[in-house]
C-alpha atoms as a PDB file:
ATOM      1  CA  UNK A   1     -35.417-108.623  42.759  1.00  0.00           C
ATOM      2  CA  UNK A   2     -37.037-107.068  45.818  1.00  0.00           C
ATOM      3  CA  UNK A   3     -39.603-104.321  45.325  1.00  0.00           C
ATOM      4  CA  UNK A   4     -38.626-100.808  46.371  1.00  0.00           C
ATOM      5  CA  UNK A   5     -40.925-100.874  49.436  1.00  0.00           C
ATOM      6  CA  UNK A   6     -39.249-104.044  50.762  1.00  0.00           C
ATOM      7  CA  UNK A   7     -35.794-102.531  50.276  1.00  0.00           C
ATOM      8  CA  UNK A   8     -36.912 -99.345  52.028  1.00  0.00           C
ATOM      9  CA  UNK A   9     -38.309-101.334  54.972  1.00  0.00           C
ATOM     10  CA  UNK A  10     -35.145-103.479  55.219  1.00  0.00           C
ATOM     11  CA  UNK A  11     -33.162-100.239  55.332  1.00  0.00           C
ATOM     12  CA  UNK A  12     -35.396 -99.012  58.158  1.00  0.00           C
ATOM     13  CA  UNK A  13     -34.842-102.264  60.079  1.00  0.00           C
ATOM     14  CA  UNK A  14     -31.061-102.142  59.579  1.00  0.00           C
ATOM     15  CA  UNK A  15     -30.776 -98.495  60.620  1.00  0.00           C
ATOM     16  CA  UNK A  16     -33.025 -99.012  63.641  1.00  0.00           C
ATOM     17  CA  UNK A  17     -30.932-101.972  64.777  1.00  0.00           C
ATOM     18  CA  UNK A  18     -27.701-100.022  64.265  1.00  0.00           C
ATOM     19  CA  UNK A  19     -28.977 -97.098  66.343  1.00  0.00           C
ATOM     20  CA  UNK A  20     -30.232 -99.458  69.075  1.00  0.00           C
ATOM     21  CA  UNK A  21     -26.808-101.107  69.388  1.00  0.00           C
ATOM     22  CA  UNK A  22     -25.086 -97.703  69.264  1.00  0.00           C
ATOM     23  CA  UNK A  23     -27.222 -96.275  72.091  1.00  0.00           C
ATOM     24  CA  UNK A  24     -26.769 -99.387  74.260  1.00  0.00           C
ATOM     25  CA  UNK A  25     -23.017 -99.091  73.763  1.00  0.00           C
ATOM     26  CA  UNK A  26     -22.983 -95.367  74.548  1.00  0.00           C
ATOM     27  CA  UNK A  27     -25.018 -95.755  77.726  1.00  0.00           C
ATOM     28  CA  UNK A  28     -22.684 -98.534  78.820  1.00  0.00           C
ATOM     29  CA  UNK A  29     -19.603 -96.402  78.127  1.00  0.00           C
ATOM     30  CA  UNK A  30     -20.861 -93.110  79.517  1.00  0.00           C
ATOM     31  CA  UNK A  31     -21.812 -94.439  82.923  1.00  0.00           C
ATOM     32  CA  UNK A  32     -24.378 -96.364  84.836  1.00  0.00           C
ATOM     33  CA  UNK A  33     -25.957 -93.471  86.628  1.00  0.00           C
ATOM     34  CA  UNK A  34     -28.583 -93.493  83.886  1.00  0.00           C
ATOM     35  CA  UNK A  35     -30.088 -96.564  85.549  1.00  0.00           C
ATOM     36  CA  UNK A  36     -30.604 -94.743  88.828  1.00  0.00           C
ATOM     37  CA  UNK A  37     -33.307 -92.160  89.405  1.00  0.00           C
ATOM     38  CA  UNK A  38     -33.048 -89.652  86.623  1.00  0.00           C
ATOM     39  CA  UNK A  39     -32.998 -85.891  87.023  1.00  0.00           C
ATOM     40  CA  UNK A  40     -35.012 -83.421  84.986  1.00  0.00           C
ATOM     41  CA  UNK A  41     -32.002 -82.706  82.777  1.00  0.00           C
ATOM     42  CA  UNK A  42     -31.445 -86.425  82.111  1.00  0.00           C
ATOM     43  CA  UNK A  43     -35.142 -86.802  81.202  1.00  0.00           C
ATOM     44  CA  UNK A  44     -34.772 -83.995  78.662  1.00  0.00           C
ATOM     45  CA  UNK A  45     -31.656 -85.669  77.222  1.00  0.00           C
ATOM     46  CA  UNK A  46     -33.563 -88.953  76.832  1.00  0.00           C
ATOM     47  CA  UNK A  47     -36.467 -87.199  75.105  1.00  0.00           C
ATOM     48  CA  UNK A  48     -34.190 -85.262  72.748  1.00  0.00           C
ATOM     49  CA  UNK A  49     -32.147 -88.397  72.034  1.00  0.00           C
ATOM     50  CA  UNK A  50     -35.294 -90.229  70.951  1.00  0.00           C
ATOM     51  CA  UNK A  51     -36.318 -87.354  68.730  1.00  0.00           C
ATOM     52  CA  UNK A  52     -32.853 -86.957  67.251  1.00  0.00           C
ATOM     53  CA  UNK A  53     -32.552 -90.564  66.102  1.00  0.00           C
ATOM     54  CA  UNK A  54     -36.145 -91.055  64.975  1.00  0.00           C
ATOM     55  CA  UNK A  55     -35.644 -89.806  61.428  1.00  0.00           C
ATOM     56  CA  UNK A  56     -32.459 -91.829  61.010  1.00  0.00           C
ATOM     57  CA  UNK A  57     -34.178 -94.992  62.253  1.00  0.00           C
ATOM     58  CA  UNK A  58     -36.911 -94.737  59.647  1.00  0.00           C
ATOM     59  CA  UNK A  59     -34.492 -93.579  56.920  1.00  0.00           C
ATOM     60  CA  UNK A  60     -36.541 -90.430  56.374  1.00  0.00           C
ATOM     61  CA  UNK A  61     -39.610 -92.544  55.613  1.00  0.00           C
ATOM     62  CA  UNK A  62     -42.420 -91.388  57.901  1.00  0.00           C
ATOM     63  CA  UNK A  63     -44.990 -93.849  56.591  1.00  0.00           C
ATOM     64  CA  UNK A  64     -46.917 -96.199  58.849  1.00  0.00           C
ATOM     65  CA  UNK A  65     -45.084 -99.309  57.545  1.00  0.00           C
ATOM     66  CA  UNK A  66     -41.711 -97.697  58.279  1.00  0.00           C
ATOM     67  CA  UNK A  67     -42.823 -96.836  61.815  1.00  0.00           C
ATOM     68  CA  UNK A  68     -44.131-100.338  62.396  1.00  0.00           C
ATOM     69  CA  UNK A  69     -40.934-101.936  61.064  1.00  0.00           C
ATOM     70  CA  UNK A  70     -38.833 -99.642  63.256  1.00  0.00           C
ATOM     71  CA  UNK A  71     -40.896-100.391  66.380  1.00  0.00           C
ATOM     72  CA  UNK A  72     -40.901-104.130  65.659  1.00  0.00           C
ATOM     73  CA  UNK A  73     -37.134-104.083  65.121  1.00  0.00           C
ATOM     74  CA  UNK A  74     -36.596-102.285  68.447  1.00  0.00           C
ATOM     75  CA  UNK A  75     -38.824-104.726  70.331  1.00  0.00           C
ATOM     76  CA  UNK A  76     -37.240-107.779  68.710  1.00  0.00           C
ATOM     77  CA  UNK A  77     -33.713-106.460  69.280  1.00  0.00           C
ATOM     78  CA  UNK A  78     -34.524-105.725  72.919  1.00  0.00           C
ATOM     79  CA  UNK A  79     -35.919-109.227  73.431  1.00  0.00           C
ATOM     80  CA  UNK A  80     -32.892-110.820  71.760  1.00  0.00           C
ATOM     81  CA  UNK A  81     -30.508-108.610  73.737  1.00  0.00           C
ATOM     82  CA  UNK A  82     -32.178-109.622  77.026  1.00  0.00           C
ATOM     83  CA  UNK A  83     -31.811-113.294  76.100  1.00  0.00           C
ATOM     84  CA  UNK A  84     -28.150-112.835  75.163  1.00  0.00           C
ATOM     85  CA  UNK A  85     -27.446-111.045  78.460  1.00  0.00           C
ATOM     86  CA  UNK A  86     -29.097-113.882  80.379  1.00  0.00           C
ATOM     87  CA  UNK A  87     -27.168-116.535  78.451  1.00  0.00           C
ATOM     88  CA  UNK A  88     -23.686-115.029  78.151  1.00  0.00           C
ATOM     89  CA  UNK A  89     -22.167-113.860  81.410  1.00  0.00           C
ATOM     90  CA  UNK A  90     -19.218-112.216  79.623  1.00  0.00           C
ATOM     91  CA  UNK A  91     -21.608-109.952  77.672  1.00  0.00           C
ATOM     92  CA  UNK A  92     -23.507-109.098  80.856  1.00  0.00           C
ATOM     93  CA  UNK A  93     -20.237-108.114  82.571  1.00  0.00           C
ATOM     94  CA  UNK A  94     -19.192-106.060  79.539  1.00  0.00           C
ATOM     95  CA  UNK A  95     -22.455-104.134  79.149  1.00  0.00           C
ATOM     96  CA  UNK A  96     -24.078-104.055  82.587  1.00  0.00           C
ATOM     97  CA  UNK A  97     -21.035-104.755  84.718  1.00  0.00           C
ATOM     98  CA  UNK A  98     -21.372-105.776  88.339  1.00  0.00           C
ATOM     99  CA  UNK A  99     -22.037-104.055  91.640  1.00  0.00           C
ATOM    100  CA  UNK A 100     -19.529-101.374  92.672  1.00  0.00           C
ATOM    101  CA  UNK A 101     -18.455-100.648  96.255  1.00  0.00           C
ATOM    102  CA  UNK A 102     -18.841 -96.925  96.982  1.00  0.00           C
ATOM    103  CA  UNK A 103     -18.164 -96.949 100.743  1.00  0.00           C
ATOM    104  CA  UNK A 104     -15.945 -99.393 102.603  1.00  0.00           C
ATOM    105  CA  UNK A 105     -15.720 -99.229 106.403  1.00  0.00           C
ATOM    106  CA  UNK A 106     -17.067 -95.680 106.551  1.00  0.00           C
ATOM    107  CA  UNK A 107     -14.744 -94.304 103.835  1.00  0.00           C
ATOM    108  CA  UNK A 108     -15.593 -93.341 100.278  1.00  0.00           C
ATOM    109  CA  UNK A 109     -13.927 -95.282  97.471  1.00  0.00           C
ATOM    110  CA  UNK A 110     -13.239 -92.224  95.285  1.00  0.00           C
ATOM    111  CA  UNK A 111     -12.269 -94.100  92.128  1.00  0.00           C
ATOM    112  CA  UNK A 112     -15.482 -96.083  92.197  1.00  0.00           C
ATOM    113  CA  UNK A 113     -17.567 -92.934  92.717  1.00  0.00           C
ATOM    114  CA  UNK A 114     -16.015 -91.455  89.570  1.00  0.00           C
ATOM    115  CA  UNK A 115     -16.526 -94.713  87.675  1.00  0.00           C
ATOM    116  CA  UNK A 116     -20.289 -94.712  88.241  1.00  0.00           C
ATOM    117  CA  UNK A 117     -20.712 -90.930  88.007  1.00  0.00           C
ATOM    118  CA  UNK A 118     -21.902 -90.274  91.555  1.00  0.00           C
ATOM    119  CA  UNK A 119     -20.798 -87.668  94.078  1.00  0.00           C
ATOM    120  CA  UNK A 120     -20.200 -88.103  97.786  1.00  0.00           C
ATOM    121  CA  UNK A 121     -23.366 -86.054  98.354  1.00  0.00           C
ATOM    122  CA  UNK A 122     -25.391 -88.514  96.225  1.00  0.00           C
ATOM    123  CA  UNK A 123     -24.183 -91.446  98.326  1.00  0.00           C
ATOM    124  CA  UNK A 124     -24.674 -89.635 101.638  1.00  0.00           C
ATOM    125  CA  UNK A 125     -28.251 -88.840 100.605  1.00  0.00           C
ATOM    126  CA  UNK A 126     -28.867 -92.531  99.799  1.00  0.00           C
ATOM    127  CA  UNK A 127     -27.373 -93.561 103.137  1.00  0.00           C
ATOM    128  CA  UNK A 128     -29.643 -91.145 105.015  1.00  0.00           C
ATOM    129  CA  UNK A 129     -32.573 -92.350 102.908  1.00  0.00           C
ATOM    130  CA  UNK A 130     -31.944 -95.874 104.227  1.00  0.00           C
ATOM    131  CA  UNK A 131     -32.112 -94.603 107.810  1.00  0.00           C
ATOM    132  CA  UNK A 132     -28.402 -94.330 108.675  1.00  0.00           C
ATOM    133  CA  UNK A 133     -27.173 -90.986 110.011  1.00  0.00           C
ATOM    134  CA  UNK A 134     -23.761 -91.002 108.339  1.00  0.00           C
ATOM    135  CA  UNK A 135     -20.742 -92.811 106.970  1.00  0.00           C
ATOM    136  CA  UNK A 136     -19.534 -94.023 110.359  1.00  0.00           C
ATOM    137  CA  UNK A 137     -22.619 -96.267 110.495  1.00  0.00           C
ATOM    138  CA  UNK A 138     -21.881 -97.920 107.152  1.00  0.00           C
ATOM    139  CA  UNK A 139     -19.653-100.932 106.519  1.00  0.00           C
ATOM    140  CA  UNK A 140     -20.455-100.956 102.789  1.00  0.00           C
ATOM    141  CA  UNK A 141     -22.514 -98.905 100.369  1.00  0.00           C
ATOM    142  CA  UNK A 142     -22.837-100.707  97.055  1.00  0.00           C
ATOM    143  CA  UNK A 143     -24.020 -99.350  93.718  1.00  0.00           C
ATOM    144  CA  UNK A 144     -26.176-102.188  92.382  1.00  0.00           C
ATOM    145  CA  UNK A 145     -26.673-103.040  88.723  1.00  0.00           C
ATOM    146  CA  UNK A 146     -30.215-101.625  88.797  1.00  0.00           C
ATOM    147  CA  UNK A 147     -28.899 -98.193  89.854  1.00  0.00           C
ATOM    148  CA  UNK A 148     -29.911 -98.447  93.501  1.00  0.00           C
ATOM    149  CA  UNK A 149     -27.505 -98.086  96.413  1.00  0.00           C
ATOM    150  CA  UNK A 150     -27.544-100.875  98.983  1.00  0.00           C
ATOM    151  CA  UNK A 151     -26.288-100.052 102.475  1.00  0.00           C
ATOM    152  CA  UNK A 152     -24.779-102.597 104.851  1.00  0.00           C
ATOM    153  CA  UNK A 153     -24.462-101.166 108.365  1.00  0.00           C
ATOM    154  CA  UNK A 154     -21.387-101.589 110.553  1.00  0.00           C
ATOM    155  CA  UNK A 155     -23.366-103.709 113.037  1.00  0.00           C
ATOM    156  CA  UNK A 156     -24.502-106.248 110.393  1.00  0.00           C
ATOM    157  CA  UNK A 157     -23.187-109.759 111.029  1.00  0.00           C
ATOM    158  CA  UNK A 158     -20.404-110.948 108.754  1.00  0.00           C
ATOM    159  CA  UNK A 159     -20.964-114.299 107.052  1.00  0.00           C
ATOM    160  CA  UNK A 160     -17.941-115.849 105.458  1.00  0.00           C
ATOM    161  CA  UNK A 161     -18.683-118.565 102.928  1.00  0.00           C
ATOM    162  CA  UNK A 162     -16.383-121.403 101.989  1.00  0.00           C
ATOM    163  CA  UNK A 163     -14.394-120.835  98.802  1.00  0.00           C
END
């Protein structure tokens, strides 16, 4: 039979892992804008989220061993998750998804803007930040998986690959 401390620490590990998976799932469901530059409000949400789940992760046990088990579980889960994403393309598509076209031939793709949680003003600001005066100068604006917006100008050469 396991001693009480071991059971308590296994509980901490299980709850930490459950919360980690839950938060990954929620971020995936609630939008990818979180990967882009965060606003002050989003920073506050992240800080409060960490504080709100801390007690649950350590099962109310604020001892040093509980904290170390929780931190180790988070680091190990993150490492395993990164390996799984690299190995299984279907999981990567499910969680991270792929790039999303926001502008096509100078026109916004409204459904895609809603999907990633960006406004037309957000995209226009990114376009100007890349040195293009406006939409008419853009063939494509693409929301990349890292949260950045890539801009392909209208005068860029088109390369068609064999399929």
